[in-house]
């Protein structure tokens, strides 16, 4: 039987939401093993001078605990 845990992280990118999600999962995988999925909870942008300067995501990462 597998037991999973969920942790919440945030990540950002100047390129777009998809890039922020990829960066967040890549960074989480450096310290969390067996990542099985993510739920994107919030999307946010930072605007400067009338333009989007940063894309931010908050997501819940699900990973399976070691036996």
Protein backbone atom coordinates (compact mmCIF):
# COMPACT_ATOMS: atom_id res chain seq x y z
CA UNK A 1 0.00 0.00 0.00
CA UNK A 2 1.34 3.44 -0.92
CA UNK A 3 0.96 6.52 1.23
CA UNK A 4 1.14 9.95 -0.39
CA UNK A 5 1.80 13.39 1.02
CA UNK A 6 0.88 16.81 -0.37
CA UNK A 7 2.98 19.93 -0.01
CA UNK A 8 2.32 23.44 -1.31
CA UNK A 9 4.91 25.39 -3.29
CA UNK A 10 5.03 28.55 -5.36
CA UNK A 11 7.12 29.21 -8.45
CA UNK A 12 7.60 32.04 -10.90
CA UNK A 13 8.81 32.71 -14.42
CA UNK A 14 9.21 35.67 -16.74
CA UNK A 15 8.20 33.47 -19.71
CA UNK A 16 4.74 32.17 -18.79
CA UNK A 17 2.58 30.02 -16.52
CA UNK A 18 3.66 26.74 -18.10
CA UNK A 19 7.31 27.63 -17.56
CA UNK A 20 6.59 28.51 -13.92
CA UNK A 21 4.89 25.13 -13.42
CA UNK A 22 7.79 23.27 -15.03
CA UNK A 23 10.31 25.20 -12.92
CA UNK A 24 8.38 24.49 -9.73
CA UNK A 25 8.13 20.76 -10.35
CA UNK A 26 11.79 20.57 -11.42
CA UNK A 27 12.88 22.33 -8.24
CA UNK A 28 10.60 20.24 -6.02
CA UNK A 29 12.00 17.05 -7.55
CA UNK A 30 15.46 17.97 -6.23
CA UNK A 31 14.27 17.35 -2.66
CA UNK A 32 11.10 15.28 -3.08
CA UNK A 33 11.12 11.79 -4.56
CA UNK A 34 8.28 9.98 -6.33
CA UNK A 35 6.30 13.07 -7.38
CA UNK A 36 3.03 11.85 -8.88
CA UNK A 37 1.19 15.04 -9.75
CA UNK A 38 0.39 18.65 -9.03
CA UNK A 39 -2.73 20.73 -8.64
CA UNK A 40 -2.32 24.35 -9.74
CA UNK A 41 -4.18 26.29 -7.11
CA UNK A 42 -3.59 29.90 -8.10
CA UNK A 43 -2.29 31.86 -11.07
CA UNK A 44 -1.04 35.41 -10.63
CA UNK A 45 0.84 37.95 -12.71
CA UNK A 46 3.03 40.87 -11.72
CA UNK A 47 2.58 43.94 -13.91
CA UNK A 48 5.07 46.74 -14.48
CA UNK A 49 4.58 49.69 -16.80
CA UNK A 50 1.37 48.25 -18.19
CA UNK A 51 2.93 44.89 -19.12
CA UNK A 52 3.18 41.48 -17.47
CA UNK A 53 6.66 41.10 -16.00
CA UNK A 54 6.30 37.85 -14.07
CA UNK A 55 4.00 34.82 -13.96
CA UNK A 56 3.45 33.12 -10.61
CA UNK A 57 1.79 29.84 -9.70
CA UNK A 58 0.91 28.27 -6.40
CA UNK A 59 0.48 24.51 -6.55
CA UNK A 60 0.09 21.44 -4.41
CA UNK A 61 2.59 18.69 -5.19
CA UNK A 62 1.65 15.06 -4.45
CA UNK A 63 4.44 12.58 -3.78
CA UNK A 64 4.54 9.01 -2.52
CA UNK A 65 6.39 8.35 0.74
CA UNK A 66 9.11 5.73 0.88
CA UNK A 67 8.29 2.44 2.59
